[in-house]
Amino acid sequence: MRRKATQSKSEPVVPAELLEQAKRAISPDRLTKAVKCSVCGADTTIAATEPLCWVCRRLKISAWREIEQQMPAQE
């Protein structure tokens, strides 16, 4: 059996200009500091007024929704 001849230089799948634009587009995201979640201590990159990881943020939103649904039932 013979091996297929390998090509020494192949064409790139993604053009170089497009690749450079993509790198520049995500570079500002990497400049954000890693912050610890104020509830569980997990790493988070979103530094808002209250630094929360995505799990704690979801739990907080869910708790707000539950409270809003219980309010009319109490009145």
N, C-alpha and C. Protein backbone atom coordinates (compact mmCIF):
# COMPACT_ATOMS: atom_id res chain seq x y z
N MET A 1 0.84 -1.19 0.00
CA MET A 1 0.00 0.00 0.00
C MET A 1 0.88 1.25 0.00
N ARG A 2 0.43 2.22 -0.73
CA ARG A 2 1.15 3.49 -0.77
C ARG A 2 0.37 4.55 0.00
N ARG A 3 1.10 5.43 0.59
CA ARG A 3 0.47 6.57 1.27
C ARG A 3 0.17 7.66 0.26
N LYS A 4 -0.85 8.41 0.56
CA LYS A 4 -1.15 9.55 -0.29
C LYS A 4 -0.11 10.63 -0.07
N ALA A 5 0.19 11.34 -1.10
CA ALA A 5 1.15 12.43 -0.99
C ALA A 5 0.50 13.57 -0.21
N THR A 6 1.19 14.07 0.79
CA THR A 6 0.65 15.17 1.59
C THR A 6 1.00 16.49 0.94
N GLN A 7 0.05 17.40 1.01
CA GLN A 7 0.30 18.72 0.46
C GLN A 7 1.07 19.53 1.48
N SER A 8 2.10 20.21 1.02
CA SER A 8 2.93 20.96 1.95
C SER A 8 2.24 22.23 2.43
N LYS A 9 1.44 22.84 1.56
CA LYS A 9 0.78 24.08 1.95
C LYS A 9 -0.68 24.01 1.52
N SER A 10 -1.59 24.09 2.48
CA SER A 10 -3.02 24.04 2.15
C SER A 10 -3.63 25.42 2.33
N GLU A 11 -4.74 25.64 1.69
CA GLU A 11 -5.42 26.92 1.81
C GLU A 11 -6.12 27.01 3.17
N PRO A 12 -6.06 28.17 3.80
CA PRO A 12 -6.76 28.31 5.08
C PRO A 12 -8.27 28.29 4.85
N VAL A 13 -8.98 27.71 5.80
CA VAL A 13 -10.43 27.62 5.71
C VAL A 13 -11.07 28.97 5.95
N VAL A 14 -10.54 29.71 6.93
CA VAL A 14 -11.06 31.04 7.28
C VAL A 14 -10.07 32.08 6.78
N PRO A 15 -10.53 33.10 6.08
CA PRO A 15 -9.62 34.15 5.62
C PRO A 15 -8.92 34.84 6.80
N ALA A 16 -7.70 35.28 6.58
CA ALA A 16 -6.90 35.90 7.64
C ALA A 16 -7.55 37.17 8.18
N GLU A 17 -8.20 37.96 7.30
CA GLU A 17 -8.83 39.21 7.76
C GLU A 17 -9.99 38.92 8.72
N LEU A 18 -10.77 37.91 8.37
CA LEU A 18 -11.90 37.54 9.22
C LEU A 18 -11.43 37.00 10.57
N LEU A 19 -10.35 36.25 10.55
CA LEU A 19 -9.79 35.71 11.79
C LEU A 19 -9.28 36.83 12.69
N GLU A 20 -8.65 37.83 12.10
CA GLU A 20 -8.14 38.97 12.87
C GLU A 20 -9.28 39.79 13.46
N GLN A 21 -10.36 39.98 12.70
CA GLN A 21 -11.53 40.69 13.22
C GLN A 21 -12.14 39.96 14.40
N ALA A 22 -12.20 38.65 14.31
CA ALA A 22 -12.76 37.86 15.41
C ALA A 22 -11.90 37.97 16.65
N LYS A 23 -10.60 37.96 16.49
CA LYS A 23 -9.69 38.09 17.64
C LYS A 23 -9.85 39.45 18.31
N ARG A 24 -9.99 40.50 17.49
CA ARG A 24 -10.17 41.84 18.05
C ARG A 24 -11.53 41.98 18.73
N ALA A 25 -12.52 41.27 18.24
CA ALA A 25 -13.86 41.37 18.81
C ALA A 25 -13.95 40.78 20.21
N ILE A 26 -13.20 39.72 20.48
CA ILE A 26 -13.28 39.09 21.80
C ILE A 26 -12.21 39.58 22.76
N SER A 27 -11.24 40.32 22.29
CA SER A 27 -10.17 40.77 23.19
C SER A 27 -10.66 41.69 24.31
N PRO A 28 -11.64 42.60 24.11
CA PRO A 28 -12.12 43.41 25.25
C PRO A 28 -12.74 42.56 26.34
N ASP A 29 -13.36 41.43 25.99
CA ASP A 29 -13.96 40.56 26.99
C ASP A 29 -12.91 39.97 27.91
N ARG A 30 -11.75 39.73 27.39
CA ARG A 30 -10.70 39.12 28.19
C ARG A 30 -10.02 40.11 29.11
N LEU A 31 -10.24 41.40 28.87
CA LEU A 31 -9.62 42.42 29.71
C LEU A 31 -10.35 42.63 31.03
N THR A 32 -11.55 42.09 31.14
CA THR A 32 -12.30 42.25 32.39
C THR A 32 -11.66 41.42 33.49
N LYS A 33 -11.66 41.97 34.67
CA LYS A 33 -11.06 41.27 35.80
C LYS A 33 -11.96 40.16 36.29
N ALA A 34 -11.34 39.10 36.75
CA ALA A 34 -12.10 38.02 37.37
C ALA A 34 -12.46 38.45 38.78
N VAL A 35 -13.73 38.41 39.10
CA VAL A 35 -14.24 38.84 40.40
C VAL A 35 -14.87 37.64 41.07
N LYS A 36 -14.79 37.58 42.38
CA LYS A 36 -15.42 36.49 43.13
C LYS A 36 -16.88 36.82 43.39
N CYS A 37 -17.72 35.80 43.31
CA CYS A 37 -19.14 35.96 43.59
C CYS A 37 -19.31 36.31 45.06
N SER A 38 -20.19 37.25 45.35
CA SER A 38 -20.37 37.68 46.74
C SER A 38 -21.15 36.66 47.57
N VAL A 39 -21.80 35.69 46.90
CA VAL A 39 -22.58 34.70 47.64
C VAL A 39 -21.81 33.40 47.83
N CYS A 40 -21.36 32.81 46.71
CA CYS A 40 -20.73 31.49 46.80
C CYS A 40 -19.21 31.51 46.64
N GLY A 41 -18.65 32.62 46.17
CA GLY A 41 -17.20 32.73 46.02
C GLY A 41 -16.66 32.19 44.71
N ALA A 42 -17.53 31.83 43.78
CA ALA A 42 -17.08 31.33 42.47
C ALA A 42 -16.55 32.49 41.63
N ASP A 43 -15.69 32.17 40.67
CA ASP A 43 -15.15 33.20 39.78
C ASP A 43 -16.23 33.69 38.83
N THR A 44 -16.27 34.98 38.62
CA THR A 44 -17.19 35.58 37.66
C THR A 44 -16.49 36.75 37.00
N THR A 45 -16.79 37.01 35.75
CA THR A 45 -16.15 38.12 35.05
C THR A 45 -17.08 39.32 34.94
N ILE A 46 -18.32 39.16 35.30
CA ILE A 46 -19.28 40.26 35.23
C ILE A 46 -19.24 41.02 36.54
N ALA A 47 -18.75 42.23 36.49
CA ALA A 47 -18.67 43.05 37.69
C ALA A 47 -19.75 44.12 37.64
N ALA A 48 -20.89 43.81 38.17
CA ALA A 48 -22.00 44.78 38.23
C ALA A 48 -21.98 45.43 39.61
N THR A 49 -23.09 46.04 39.98
CA THR A 49 -23.16 46.65 41.30
C THR A 49 -23.04 45.58 42.39
N GLU A 50 -23.55 44.38 42.08
CA GLU A 50 -23.46 43.27 43.02
C GLU A 50 -22.84 42.09 42.26
N PRO A 51 -21.58 41.78 42.50
CA PRO A 51 -20.93 40.71 41.73
C PRO A 51 -21.47 39.32 42.08
N LEU A 52 -22.21 38.75 41.14
CA LEU A 52 -22.79 37.43 41.32
C LEU A 52 -22.39 36.54 40.15
N CYS A 53 -22.17 35.26 40.42
CA CYS A 53 -21.94 34.31 39.34
C CYS A 53 -23.29 34.05 38.67
N TRP A 54 -23.27 33.34 37.55
CA TRP A 54 -24.51 33.14 36.81
C TRP A 54 -25.52 32.29 37.59
N VAL A 55 -25.03 31.38 38.41
CA VAL A 55 -25.95 30.53 39.19
C VAL A 55 -26.67 31.37 40.25
N CYS A 56 -25.92 32.14 41.00
CA CYS A 56 -26.52 32.96 42.05
C CYS A 56 -27.42 34.04 41.45
N ARG A 57 -27.06 34.57 40.29
CA ARG A 57 -27.91 35.56 39.62
C ARG A 57 -29.24 34.94 39.24
N ARG A 58 -29.21 33.72 38.71
CA ARG A 58 -30.45 33.02 38.34
C ARG A 58 -31.31 32.73 39.56
N LEU A 59 -30.67 32.32 40.65
CA LEU A 59 -31.42 32.05 41.87
C LEU A 59 -32.08 33.31 42.41
N LYS A 60 -31.38 34.42 42.31
CA LYS A 60 -31.93 35.69 42.79
C LYS A 60 -33.13 36.09 41.94
N ILE A 61 -33.02 35.95 40.62
CA ILE A 61 -34.13 36.29 39.73
C ILE A 61 -35.33 35.39 40.01
N SER A 62 -35.06 34.10 40.23
CA SER A 62 -36.15 33.16 40.54
C SER A 62 -36.84 33.53 41.85
N ALA A 63 -36.05 33.94 42.83
CA ALA A 63 -36.62 34.33 44.11
C ALA A 63 -37.49 35.58 43.96
N TRP A 64 -37.05 36.54 43.15
CA TRP A 64 -37.86 37.74 42.90
C TRP A 64 -39.18 37.36 42.28
N ARG A 65 -39.15 36.44 41.30
CA ARG A 65 -40.39 36.04 40.63
C ARG A 65 -41.35 35.35 41.60
N GLU A 66 -40.82 34.52 42.48
CA GLU A 66 -41.67 33.84 43.46
C GLU A 66 -42.32 34.84 44.41
N ILE A 67 -41.57 35.82 44.84
CA ILE A 67 -42.11 36.84 45.74
C ILE A 67 -43.21 37.63 45.04
N GLU A 68 -43.00 37.99 43.78
CA GLU A 68 -44.00 38.74 43.04
C GLU A 68 -45.28 37.94 42.85
N GLN A 69 -45.17 36.62 42.70
CA GLN A 69 -46.34 35.79 42.53
C GLN A 69 -47.08 35.59 43.85
N GLN A 70 -46.39 35.61 44.95
CA GLN A 70 -47.01 35.39 46.26
C GLN A 70 -47.67 36.66 46.80
N MET A 71 -47.24 37.82 46.37
CA MET A 71 -47.79 39.09 46.86
C MET A 71 -49.31 39.20 46.67
N PRO A 72 -49.86 38.98 45.47
CA PRO A 72 -51.31 39.11 45.32
C PRO A 72 -52.09 38.07 46.13
N ALA A 73 -51.52 36.93 46.38
CA ALA A 73 -52.22 35.89 47.13
C ALA A 73 -52.37 36.31 48.60
N GLN A 74 -51.46 37.09 49.14
CA GLN A 74 -51.51 37.49 50.54
C GLN A 74 -52.53 38.62 50.76
N GLU A 75 -52.79 39.41 49.75
CA GLU A 75 -53.70 40.55 49.93
C GLU A 75 -55.14 40.18 49.88
